[in-house]
């Protein structure tokens, strides 16, 4: 099992970008770091091998529009 480290330490070990506590903690709360960090003694702790999951909002939006359009057409056709 991997060792738990502070969220700040994990960020500095994996990324060159400056550490911004609010941003990184927000990512933890939103579930964008997997496995999800947990709060121990008032601090976020994360497994050393955790990964940041980046979402592509443009592609997600396109997928939702396509699915919504298909569902609407099918629902409209089934009502008549």
N, C-alpha and C. Protein backbone atom coordinates (compact mmCIF):
# COMPACT_ATOMS: atom_id res chain seq x y z
N UNK A 1 0.84 -1.18 0.00
CA UNK A 1 0.00 0.00 0.00
C UNK A 1 0.89 1.25 0.00
N UNK A 2 0.46 2.24 -0.77
CA UNK A 2 1.23 3.47 -0.88
C UNK A 2 1.15 4.29 0.40
N UNK A 3 2.14 5.08 0.60
CA UNK A 3 2.21 5.93 1.77
C UNK A 3 1.36 7.19 1.55
N UNK A 4 0.71 7.67 2.61
CA UNK A 4 -0.06 8.92 2.54
C UNK A 4 0.88 10.09 2.78
N UNK A 5 0.71 11.13 1.95
CA UNK A 5 1.49 12.35 2.11
C UNK A 5 0.53 13.54 2.08
N UNK A 6 1.02 14.70 2.50
CA UNK A 6 0.21 15.91 2.47
C UNK A 6 -0.08 16.28 1.02
N UNK A 7 -1.25 16.88 0.82
CA UNK A 7 -1.66 17.30 -0.52
C UNK A 7 -0.65 18.27 -1.13
N UNK A 8 -0.14 19.18 -0.32
CA UNK A 8 0.85 20.16 -0.79
C UNK A 8 2.12 19.46 -1.27
N UNK A 9 2.60 18.48 -0.52
CA UNK A 9 3.80 17.73 -0.89
C UNK A 9 3.58 16.97 -2.19
N UNK A 10 2.40 16.33 -2.31
CA UNK A 10 2.06 15.58 -3.52
C UNK A 10 2.08 16.50 -4.73
N UNK A 11 1.47 17.70 -4.60
CA UNK A 11 1.42 18.64 -5.71
C UNK A 11 2.83 19.06 -6.13
N UNK A 12 3.66 19.42 -5.16
CA UNK A 12 5.02 19.88 -5.47
C UNK A 12 5.88 18.77 -6.08
N UNK A 13 5.64 17.52 -5.70
CA UNK A 13 6.40 16.40 -6.27
C UNK A 13 6.00 16.10 -7.71
N UNK A 14 4.76 16.39 -8.09
CA UNK A 14 4.25 15.99 -9.40
C UNK A 14 4.11 17.11 -10.42
N UNK A 15 4.05 18.35 -9.98
CA UNK A 15 3.77 19.45 -10.90
C UNK A 15 4.73 20.61 -10.69
N UNK A 16 5.07 21.28 -11.80
CA UNK A 16 5.97 22.43 -11.75
C UNK A 16 5.24 23.71 -11.42
N UNK A 17 3.92 23.72 -11.59
CA UNK A 17 3.14 24.92 -11.32
C UNK A 17 3.18 25.25 -9.83
N UNK A 18 3.10 26.55 -9.48
CA UNK A 18 3.10 26.92 -8.07
C UNK A 18 1.89 26.33 -7.34
N UNK A 19 2.08 26.02 -6.08
CA UNK A 19 1.01 25.46 -5.25
C UNK A 19 0.06 26.56 -4.81
N UNK A 20 -1.21 26.42 -5.13
CA UNK A 20 -2.25 27.34 -4.67
C UNK A 20 -3.21 26.52 -3.81
N UNK A 21 -3.20 26.70 -2.49
CA UNK A 21 -4.00 25.85 -1.61
C UNK A 21 -5.48 25.79 -1.98
N UNK A 22 -6.08 26.91 -2.29
CA UNK A 22 -7.51 26.91 -2.62
C UNK A 22 -7.80 26.09 -3.87
N UNK A 23 -7.00 26.25 -4.89
CA UNK A 23 -7.23 25.53 -6.14
C UNK A 23 -7.05 24.03 -5.97
N UNK A 24 -5.97 23.63 -5.33
CA UNK A 24 -5.68 22.21 -5.18
C UNK A 24 -6.68 21.55 -4.23
N UNK A 25 -7.09 22.24 -3.17
CA UNK A 25 -8.09 21.68 -2.27
C UNK A 25 -9.45 21.58 -2.96
N UNK A 26 -9.75 22.53 -3.85
CA UNK A 26 -10.99 22.46 -4.61
C UNK A 26 -10.98 21.23 -5.52
N UNK A 27 -9.85 20.96 -6.15
CA UNK A 27 -9.73 19.76 -6.99
C UNK A 27 -9.96 18.50 -6.16
N UNK A 28 -9.46 18.49 -4.93
CA UNK A 28 -9.65 17.35 -4.04
C UNK A 28 -11.12 17.18 -3.69
N UNK A 29 -11.81 18.27 -3.36
CA UNK A 29 -13.23 18.20 -3.01
C UNK A 29 -14.09 17.75 -4.18
N UNK A 30 -13.73 18.16 -5.40
CA UNK A 30 -14.51 17.83 -6.59
C UNK A 30 -14.24 16.42 -7.10
N UNK A 31 -13.28 15.72 -6.50
CA UNK A 31 -12.98 14.36 -6.94
C UNK A 31 -12.12 14.29 -8.18
N UNK A 32 -11.34 15.33 -8.45
CA UNK A 32 -10.49 15.35 -9.64
C UNK A 32 -9.13 14.73 -9.37
N UNK A 33 -8.88 14.31 -8.13
CA UNK A 33 -7.65 13.60 -7.77
C UNK A 33 -8.08 12.21 -7.33
N UNK A 34 -7.53 11.19 -7.99
CA UNK A 34 -7.90 9.81 -7.66
C UNK A 34 -6.70 8.99 -7.29
N UNK A 35 -6.74 8.15 -6.29
CA UNK A 35 -7.82 8.01 -5.33
C UNK A 35 -8.01 9.30 -4.53
N UNK A 36 -9.24 9.52 -4.11
CA UNK A 36 -9.61 10.77 -3.47
C UNK A 36 -8.83 11.01 -2.18
N UNK A 37 -8.35 12.24 -1.99
CA UNK A 37 -7.70 12.59 -0.73
C UNK A 37 -8.71 12.57 0.42
N UNK A 38 -8.20 12.33 1.61
CA UNK A 38 -9.06 12.35 2.80
C UNK A 38 -8.50 13.38 3.78
N UNK A 39 -9.37 13.85 4.65
CA UNK A 39 -8.93 14.84 5.65
C UNK A 39 -8.57 14.09 6.93
N UNK A 40 -7.33 14.27 7.37
CA UNK A 40 -6.85 13.71 8.63
C UNK A 40 -6.25 14.84 9.45
N UNK A 41 -6.75 15.02 10.65
CA UNK A 41 -6.26 16.07 11.55
C UNK A 41 -6.30 17.45 10.90
N UNK A 42 -7.34 17.71 10.10
CA UNK A 42 -7.50 19.02 9.49
C UNK A 42 -6.67 19.25 8.24
N UNK A 43 -5.99 18.23 7.74
CA UNK A 43 -5.17 18.36 6.53
C UNK A 43 -5.57 17.30 5.51
N UNK A 44 -5.51 17.68 4.23
CA UNK A 44 -5.76 16.70 3.18
C UNK A 44 -4.55 15.79 3.06
N UNK A 45 -4.82 14.50 3.08
CA UNK A 45 -3.77 13.50 2.87
C UNK A 45 -4.14 12.70 1.62
N UNK A 46 -3.15 12.40 0.82
CA UNK A 46 -3.38 11.71 -0.45
C UNK A 46 -2.34 10.60 -0.59
N UNK A 47 -2.72 9.52 -1.28
CA UNK A 47 -1.75 8.47 -1.54
C UNK A 47 -0.67 8.98 -2.49
N UNK A 48 0.53 8.54 -2.29
CA UNK A 48 1.67 9.03 -3.07
C UNK A 48 1.48 8.83 -4.57
N UNK A 49 0.83 7.76 -4.97
CA UNK A 49 0.64 7.45 -6.40
C UNK A 49 -0.63 8.00 -7.00
N UNK A 50 -1.30 8.94 -6.34
CA UNK A 50 -2.56 9.50 -6.84
C UNK A 50 -2.34 10.27 -8.14
N UNK A 51 -3.39 10.37 -8.94
CA UNK A 51 -3.32 11.06 -10.23
C UNK A 51 -4.38 12.14 -10.31
N UNK A 52 -4.05 13.23 -10.99
CA UNK A 52 -5.00 14.30 -11.27
C UNK A 52 -5.75 13.95 -12.54
N UNK A 53 -7.07 14.03 -12.50
CA UNK A 53 -7.91 13.71 -13.64
C UNK A 53 -8.40 15.02 -14.25
N UNK A 54 -7.95 15.30 -15.47
CA UNK A 54 -8.34 16.54 -16.14
C UNK A 54 -9.55 16.26 -17.04
N UNK A 55 -10.58 17.08 -16.90
CA UNK A 55 -11.77 16.92 -17.72
C UNK A 55 -11.70 17.83 -18.93
N UNK A 56 -12.15 17.32 -20.05
CA UNK A 56 -12.21 18.11 -21.27
C UNK A 56 -13.65 18.60 -21.42
N UNK A 57 -13.91 19.81 -20.97
CA UNK A 57 -15.29 20.31 -20.93
C UNK A 57 -15.88 20.47 -22.32
N UNK A 58 -15.08 20.78 -23.31
CA UNK A 58 -15.60 20.96 -24.66
C UNK A 58 -16.17 19.64 -25.18
N UNK A 59 -15.42 18.55 -25.03
CA UNK A 59 -15.90 17.24 -25.49
C UNK A 59 -17.11 16.78 -24.68
N UNK A 60 -17.11 17.03 -23.38
CA UNK A 60 -18.26 16.64 -22.55
C UNK A 60 -19.51 17.36 -23.03
N UNK A 61 -19.39 18.63 -23.36
CA UNK A 61 -20.54 19.41 -23.80
C UNK A 61 -21.07 18.84 -25.12
N UNK A 62 -20.18 18.48 -26.04
CA UNK A 62 -20.60 17.92 -27.33
C UNK A 62 -21.32 16.60 -27.11
N UNK A 63 -20.79 15.74 -26.25
CA UNK A 63 -21.43 14.45 -25.99
C UNK A 63 -22.82 14.64 -25.41
N UNK A 64 -22.98 15.59 -24.49
CA UNK A 64 -24.29 15.83 -23.89
C UNK A 64 -25.28 16.34 -24.93
N UNK A 65 -24.84 17.22 -25.82
CA UNK A 65 -25.74 17.74 -26.84
C UNK A 65 -26.19 16.63 -27.78
N UNK A 66 -25.28 15.76 -28.19
CA UNK A 66 -25.63 14.67 -29.08
C UNK A 66 -26.61 13.73 -28.39
N UNK A 67 -26.35 13.35 -27.16
CA UNK A 67 -27.24 12.45 -26.44
C UNK A 67 -28.61 13.09 -26.22
N UNK A 68 -28.65 14.37 -25.88
CA UNK A 68 -29.91 15.05 -25.65
C UNK A 68 -30.73 15.11 -26.93
N UNK A 69 -30.10 15.42 -28.04
CA UNK A 69 -30.82 15.49 -29.31
C UNK A 69 -31.41 14.13 -29.68
N UNK A 70 -30.65 13.07 -29.53
CA UNK A 70 -31.14 11.74 -29.86
C UNK A 70 -32.31 11.35 -28.97
N UNK A 71 -32.22 11.62 -27.68
CA UNK A 71 -33.28 11.28 -26.75
C UNK A 71 -34.53 12.07 -27.06
N UNK A 72 -34.40 13.37 -27.37
CA UNK A 72 -35.56 14.20 -27.67
C UNK A 72 -36.30 13.68 -28.90
N UNK A 73 -35.59 13.32 -29.93
CA UNK A 73 -36.22 12.83 -31.15
C UNK A 73 -36.95 11.52 -30.87
N UNK A 74 -36.33 10.62 -30.15
CA UNK A 74 -36.95 9.34 -29.83
C UNK A 74 -38.18 9.54 -28.96
N UNK A 75 -38.10 10.41 -27.96
CA UNK A 75 -39.25 10.68 -27.10
C UNK A 75 -40.40 11.31 -27.88
N UNK A 76 -40.08 12.25 -28.76
CA UNK A 76 -41.13 12.88 -29.57
C UNK A 76 -41.80 11.87 -30.49
N UNK A 77 -41.02 11.01 -31.09
CA UNK A 77 -41.58 10.00 -32.01
C UNK A 77 -42.45 8.99 -31.27
N UNK A 78 -42.08 8.64 -30.05
CA UNK A 78 -42.83 7.64 -29.31
C UNK A 78 -44.16 8.18 -28.77
N UNK A 79 -44.29 9.50 -28.68
CA UNK A 79 -45.53 10.09 -28.18
C UNK A 79 -46.63 10.09 -29.24
N UNK A 80 -46.30 9.98 -30.52
CA UNK A 80 -47.30 10.04 -31.57
C UNK A 80 -47.66 8.70 -32.11
